[in-house]
Protein backbone atom coordinates (compact mmCIF):
# COMPACT_ATOMS: atom_id res chain seq x y z
CA MET A 1 -43.00 -17.35 12.63
CA VAL A 2 -40.12 -19.90 12.53
CA MET A 3 -36.62 -18.65 13.27
CA THR A 4 -35.35 -19.23 9.73
CA GLU A 5 -37.99 -16.80 8.47
CA VAL A 6 -37.00 -14.29 11.13
CA PHE A 7 -33.34 -14.49 10.13
CA ASP A 8 -34.27 -14.12 6.46
CA LYS A 9 -36.34 -11.04 7.30
CA LEU A 10 -33.51 -9.57 9.34
CA LYS A 11 -31.07 -10.06 6.47
CA GLU A 12 -33.49 -8.33 4.12
CA LEU A 13 -34.10 -5.58 6.66
CA GLN A 14 -30.35 -5.12 7.04
CA ASP A 15 -29.97 -4.22 3.35
CA VAL A 16 -32.91 -1.81 3.51
CA LEU A 17 -31.68 -0.09 6.68
CA ALA A 18 -28.08 0.20 5.46
CA GLU A 19 -29.24 1.93 2.28
CA LYS A 20 -31.71 4.06 4.23
CA TYR A 21 -29.13 5.35 6.71
CA THR A 22 -26.67 6.02 3.88
CA LEU A 23 -29.30 8.19 2.18
CA GLU A 24 -30.12 10.00 5.41
CA GLN A 25 -26.44 10.78 5.89
CA LYS A 26 -26.18 12.08 2.32
CA ILE A 27 -29.21 14.32 2.88
CA GLU A 28 -27.71 15.65 6.11
CA GLU A 29 -24.29 16.31 4.59
CA SER A 30 -25.47 17.61 1.19
CA PRO A 31 -25.66 21.31 2.19
CA LYS A 32 -22.04 21.17 3.34
CA ARG A 33 -20.98 20.66 -0.29
CA LEU A 34 -21.92 24.29 -1.01
CA SER A 35 -20.45 25.75 2.16
CA SER A 36 -17.09 26.47 0.52
CA GLN A 37 -18.83 28.33 -2.32
CA ASP A 38 -20.90 30.28 0.19
CA GLU A 39 -17.76 31.19 2.12
CA LEU A 40 -15.99 32.26 -1.08
CA LEU A 41 -18.92 34.48 -2.10
CA SER A 42 -19.04 36.08 1.35
CA ARG A 43 -15.31 36.73 1.24
CA LEU A 44 -15.56 38.27 -2.25
CA LYS A 45 -18.36 40.58 -1.13
CA LYS A 46 -16.42 41.62 1.97
CA GLU A 47 -13.32 42.35 -0.12
CA TYR A 48 -15.45 44.31 -2.59
CA ILE A 49 -16.85 46.51 0.19
CA GLU A 50 -13.36 47.16 1.58
CA ARG A 51 -11.95 47.93 -1.88
CA ASN A 52 -14.87 50.19 -2.71
CA ALA A 53 -14.19 52.16 0.49
CA LYS A 54 -10.57 52.61 -0.59
CA TYR A 55 -11.78 53.67 -4.04
CA GLU A 56 -14.02 56.35 -2.55
CA GLU A 57 -11.14 57.62 -0.40
CA ALA A 58 -8.84 57.76 -3.45
CA ARG A 59 -11.53 59.52 -5.49
CA ALA A 60 -11.89 62.16 -2.75
CA VAL A 61 -8.11 62.72 -2.76
CA VAL A 62 -8.15 63.14 -6.57
CA GLU A 63 -10.99 65.67 -6.38
CA HIS A 64 -9.13 67.62 -3.69
CA LEU A 65 -5.91 67.68 -5.74
CA LYS A 66 -7.83 68.86 -8.81
CA ALA A 67 -9.24 71.74 -6.77
CA GLU A 68 -5.77 72.67 -5.49
CA LEU A 69 -4.36 72.45 -9.02
CA ALA A 70 -7.07 74.75 -10.33
CA GLN A 71 -6.27 77.24 -7.56
CA ALA A 72 -2.52 77.13 -8.33
CA GLU A 73 -3.22 77.60 -12.05
CA SER A 74 -5.46 80.56 -11.25
CA ILE A 75 -2.77 82.20 -9.14
CA ARG A 76 -0.15 81.67 -11.84
CA GLU A 77 -2.41 83.02 -14.58
CA ALA A 78 -3.28 86.07 -12.47
CA GLY A 79 0.42 86.80 -12.00
CA GLU A 80 1.13 86.42 -15.71
CA LYS A 81 -1.68 88.84 -16.58
CA GLY A 82 -0.39 91.31 -13.98
CA MET A 83 2.94 91.48 -15.77
CA ASP A 84 1.32 93.62 -18.45
CA ASN A 85 0.46 96.33 -15.94
CA ILE A 86 3.57 96.58 -13.76
CA THR A 87 4.98 100.07 -13.18
CA SER A 88 7.96 99.32 -10.98
CA HIS A 89 10.75 96.84 -10.42
CA ARG A 90 9.30 95.98 -7.02
CA GLU A 91 5.96 95.01 -8.61
CA TYR A 92 7.85 92.90 -11.15
CA GLU A 93 9.73 91.01 -8.43
CA ALA A 94 6.52 90.39 -6.46
CA LEU A 95 4.65 89.06 -9.49
CA ASP A 96 7.61 86.98 -10.62
CA LYS A 97 7.79 85.36 -7.19
CA GLN A 98 4.03 84.73 -7.25
CA ILE A 99 4.27 83.11 -10.66
CA SER A 100 7.29 80.99 -9.67
CA GLU A 101 5.71 79.73 -6.47
CA ALA A 102 2.38 79.02 -8.21
CA THR A 103 4.16 77.18 -11.02
CA GLU A 104 6.20 75.10 -8.56
CA ARG A 105 3.10 74.24 -6.58
CA GLU A 106 1.21 73.47 -9.77
CA ASN A 107 3.90 70.99 -10.89
CA ALA A 108 3.97 69.28 -7.48
CA ILE A 109 0.20 68.95 -7.43
CA ARG A 110 0.17 67.55 -10.98
CA LYS A 111 2.73 64.93 -9.97
CA ASP A 112 0.64 63.88 -6.95
CA LEU A 113 -2.51 63.97 -9.03
CA GLN A 114 -1.09 61.67 -11.68
CA LYS A 115 -0.06 59.21 -8.98
CA GLU A 116 -3.48 59.28 -7.31
CA GLU A 117 -5.34 59.01 -10.64
CA LYS A 118 -3.29 55.94 -11.52
CA ASN A 119 -4.14 54.42 -8.13
CA LEU A 120 -7.80 55.32 -8.64
CA ALA A 121 -7.84 53.65 -12.08
CA GLU A 122 -6.30 50.46 -10.63
CA LEU A 123 -8.86 50.39 -7.83
CA ASN A 124 -11.66 50.91 -10.33
CA GLU A 125 -10.38 48.04 -12.47
CA ASN A 126 -10.16 45.80 -9.41
CA LEU A 127 -13.74 46.69 -8.52
CA ARG A 128 -14.94 45.68 -11.98
CA THR A 129 -13.05 42.40 -11.66
CA ASP A 130 -14.59 41.80 -8.22
CA GLU A 131 -18.08 42.52 -9.57
CA GLU A 132 -17.59 39.96 -12.36
CA MET A 133 -16.27 37.36 -9.91
CA ILE A 134 -19.17 37.96 -7.52
CA LYS A 135 -21.70 37.67 -10.34
CA SER A 136 -20.07 34.47 -11.60
CA GLN A 137 -19.91 32.98 -8.11
CA GLU A 138 -23.55 33.86 -7.43
CA THR A 139 -24.60 32.17 -10.68
CA GLU A 140 -22.55 29.06 -9.89
CA LEU A 141 -23.89 28.94 -6.33
CA ASN A 142 -27.50 29.31 -7.45
CA GLU A 143 -27.03 26.53 -10.02
CA GLY A 144 -25.46 24.36 -7.35
CA LYS A 145 -28.36 24.99 -4.97
CA ALA A 146 -30.89 24.10 -7.67
CA SER A 147 -29.00 20.91 -8.51
CA LEU A 148 -28.65 20.03 -4.84
CA GLU A 149 -32.35 20.59 -4.23
CA LYS A 150 -33.22 18.19 -7.04
CA GLU A 151 -30.70 15.66 -5.71
CA ILE A 152 -32.18 15.85 -2.21
CA GLN A 153 -35.69 15.40 -3.65
CA ASP A 154 -34.46 12.23 -5.38
CA TYR A 155 -32.97 11.04 -2.09
CA GLN A 156 -36.27 11.77 -0.33
CA THR A 157 -38.15 9.70 -2.92
CA GLN A 158 -35.74 6.79 -2.48
CA LEU A 159 -36.01 7.16 1.29
CA ALA A 160 -39.80 6.99 1.16
CA ASN A 161 -39.58 3.75 -0.83
CA LEU A 162 -37.15 2.28 1.68
CA ASN A 163 -39.40 3.26 4.59
CA GLN A 164 -42.23 1.45 2.82
CA LYS A 165 -40.08 -1.67 2.41
CA GLU A 166 -39.08 -1.49 6.06
CA ALA A 167 -42.74 -1.29 7.07
CA GLU A 168 -43.46 -4.39 4.97
CA ILE A 169 -40.59 -6.41 6.47
CA THR A 170 -40.86 -5.66 10.20
CA PRO A 171 -44.33 -7.12 11.00
CA GLY A 172 -43.87 -10.36 12.92
CA ILE A 173 -40.51 -9.31 14.39
CA ASP A 174 -40.39 -8.20 18.01
CA GLN A 175 -40.21 -4.39 18.07
CA GLU A 176 -37.47 -4.36 20.69
CA ILE A 177 -35.36 -6.52 18.39
CA VAL A 178 -36.10 -4.17 15.50
CA TYR A 179 -35.11 -1.15 17.58
CA LYS A 180 -31.81 -2.72 18.66
CA PHE A 181 -31.18 -3.94 15.13
CA GLN A 182 -31.68 -0.43 13.73
CA ARG A 183 -29.12 1.00 16.15
CA ILE A 184 -26.63 -1.71 15.26
CA ILE A 185 -27.01 -0.99 11.54
CA LYS A 186 -26.51 2.73 12.11
CA ARG A 187 -23.20 1.97 13.77
CA ASN A 188 -21.87 -0.91 11.69
CA SER A 189 -24.06 -1.15 8.52
CA GLU A 190 -24.02 -4.91 9.23
CA GLY A 191 -26.30 -6.11 12.00
CA ILE A 192 -26.69 -9.85 11.43
CA VAL A 193 -23.64 -12.02 10.91
CA ALA A 194 -22.78 -15.69 10.83
CA VAL A 195 -21.03 -17.79 13.44
CA GLN A 196 -18.55 -20.17 11.86
CA SER A 197 -16.26 -22.87 13.17
CA SER A 198 -12.54 -22.24 13.40
CA GLY A 199 -10.96 -25.48 14.48
CA LYS A 200 -12.54 -26.31 17.84
CA ASN A 201 -13.81 -22.76 18.32
CA ALA A 202 -16.81 -20.83 17.06
CA VAL A 203 -16.09 -17.29 15.85
CA CYS A 204 -18.32 -14.27 15.21
CA THR A 205 -17.66 -13.20 11.62
CA GLY A 206 -18.55 -9.63 12.55
CA CYS A 207 -15.82 -8.96 15.14
CA HIS A 208 -13.76 -12.20 14.74
CA MET A 209 -13.98 -12.94 18.45
CA ILE A 210 -14.07 -16.50 19.76
CA LEU A 211 -17.44 -17.23 21.36
CA PRO A 212 -18.03 -19.29 24.53
CA SER A 213 -18.85 -22.89 23.64
CA GLN A 214 -22.24 -23.01 25.38
CA PHE A 215 -23.26 -19.74 23.76
CA ALA A 216 -22.13 -20.98 20.33
CA ASN A 217 -24.21 -24.13 20.80
CA GLU A 218 -27.29 -22.00 21.47
CA VAL A 219 -26.63 -20.07 18.26
CA HIS A 220 -26.32 -23.38 16.42
CA ASP A 221 -29.67 -24.53 17.80
CA GLY A 222 -31.28 -21.43 16.25
CA GLU A 223 -34.20 -21.35 18.67
CA LYS A 224 -33.93 -17.67 19.65
CA ILE A 225 -32.32 -14.38 18.73
CA LEU A 226 -28.83 -14.07 20.19
CA PHE A 227 -26.55 -11.03 20.20
CA CYS A 228 -22.75 -11.29 20.07
CA PRO A 229 -21.46 -10.44 23.56
CA TYR A 230 -18.56 -8.50 21.98
CA CYS A 231 -19.96 -6.52 19.03
CA SER A 232 -23.73 -6.79 19.79
CA ARG A 233 -24.60 -8.04 16.30
CA ILE A 234 -27.34 -10.66 15.86
CA LEU A 235 -25.85 -14.09 15.23
CA PHE A 236 -26.94 -17.04 13.12
CA TYR A 237 -25.13 -20.30 12.51
CA LYS A 238 -23.58 -21.05 9.15
CA GLU A 239 -21.88 -24.29 8.24
CA ALA A 240 -18.35 -23.60 7.05
CA GLU A 241 -17.69 -24.72 3.51
CA LYS A 242 -14.66 -26.81 2.68
CA GLY A 243 -11.49 -24.76 2.91
CA GLU A 244 -13.32 -21.74 4.31
CA GLU A 245 -12.03 -22.25 7.85
CA GLU A 246 -8.40 -22.06 6.81
CA THR A 247 -8.79 -19.03 4.52
CA TYR A 248 -11.13 -16.93 6.64
CA PHE A 249 -10.09 -17.66 10.20
CA ALA A 250 -6.34 -17.41 10.36
CA ALA A 251 -5.18 -17.79 13.97
CA GLU A 252 -3.92 -14.22 14.23
CA GLU A 253 -7.28 -12.84 13.04
CA THR A 254 -9.37 -14.30 15.87
CA GLY A 255 -9.50 -13.28 19.49
CA SER A 256 -11.07 -14.08 22.80
CA LEU A 257 -12.38 -12.09 25.72
CA ALA A 258 -8.89 -12.09 27.26
CA ASP A 259 -7.35 -10.16 24.36
CA TYR A 260 -10.44 -8.18 23.45
CA ASP A 261 -9.53 -4.66 22.26
CA GLU A 262 -10.82 -2.08 24.74
CA ASP A 263 -10.90 0.55 22.01
CA PHE A 264 -13.40 -1.54 20.05
CA ASP A 265 -15.54 -1.89 23.17
CA ASP A 266 -15.56 1.89 23.64
CA GLU A 267 -17.22 2.31 20.25
CA LEU A 268 -20.34 0.41 21.27
CA ASP A 269 -23.41 2.47 22.14
CA ASP A 270 -24.11 2.58 25.86
CA ASP A 271 -27.74 1.63 25.40
CA LEU A 272 -26.66 -1.64 23.75
CA LEU A 273 -24.37 -2.54 26.63
CA ASP A 274 -26.11 -1.17 29.75
CA GLY A 275 -29.06 -2.43 31.78
CA GLU A 276 -31.40 -2.53 28.78
CA GLU A 277 -29.58 -5.58 27.40
CA ARG A 278 -27.89 -6.90 30.51
CA GLU A 279 -30.70 -7.09 33.03
CA GLU A 280 -30.55 -10.64 34.34
CA GLY A 281 -28.13 -13.45 33.61
CA ASP A 282 -27.86 -14.03 29.85
CA GLU A 283 -30.69 -11.65 28.90
CA ASP A 284 -28.15 -9.27 27.41
CA THR A 285 -27.41 -11.71 24.57
CA THR A 286 -30.81 -13.34 24.02
CA ALA A 287 -34.29 -12.45 22.97
CA GLU A 288 -37.00 -14.73 21.80
CA ILE A 289 -39.62 -14.16 19.11
């Protein structure tokens, strides 16, 4: 296979891989879109349980106050009935005191009971509101899960088609090159870029770094696969069109090894920069097909 065909295949493979990895990322991140709804539903259920516990406590207090009120009413009524049978002033005073104390207690209990019944009614209303919110959230979440499942199935179908295209493109390309190319695309989404002239220099259009002259000449010859020594992308030579040099390669946009940004270098995968690609001499930037 001539090198021009290889470069054409790599450019085609680049588009397929970029779309493929984008889909894979979408599939991986899709469930996170429902995480906030899941968290909201969990929080609503937790709040419902806590509020229901308070409701049960309030209901118990109301039932206890009702029992006390009934007892106070019974004592008062017994005293009032006893008034019909009194035979002495002492009996009258005792019954009058009993009735007064029972009536006072009865009024106090009624006041507390009204307060607790109001609180109980508010808690009950809040529980109904919580139940409606939980039901609505569950419905929305279930609809979202169904929609997401269909979306992921569509992504899987597209992914299968892209895998098929990849399988059709890669035959004839060295598998080590394919492997390195895949890793480059995962990191940059662009794995094959042009080398263009900028005045007397040749510049990688991927990282805008000035390339060594001898290395640039080898790229121009186009006899083998060469990787940029700075960004690890595969390079091919492209003749600059008229006016392109001045508009694309402004002096402040290009660099050299001397002013190479260490932060950019730190982003490169170790397996693209270690012994695998830098075994002997220039083997880190070349590979032949």
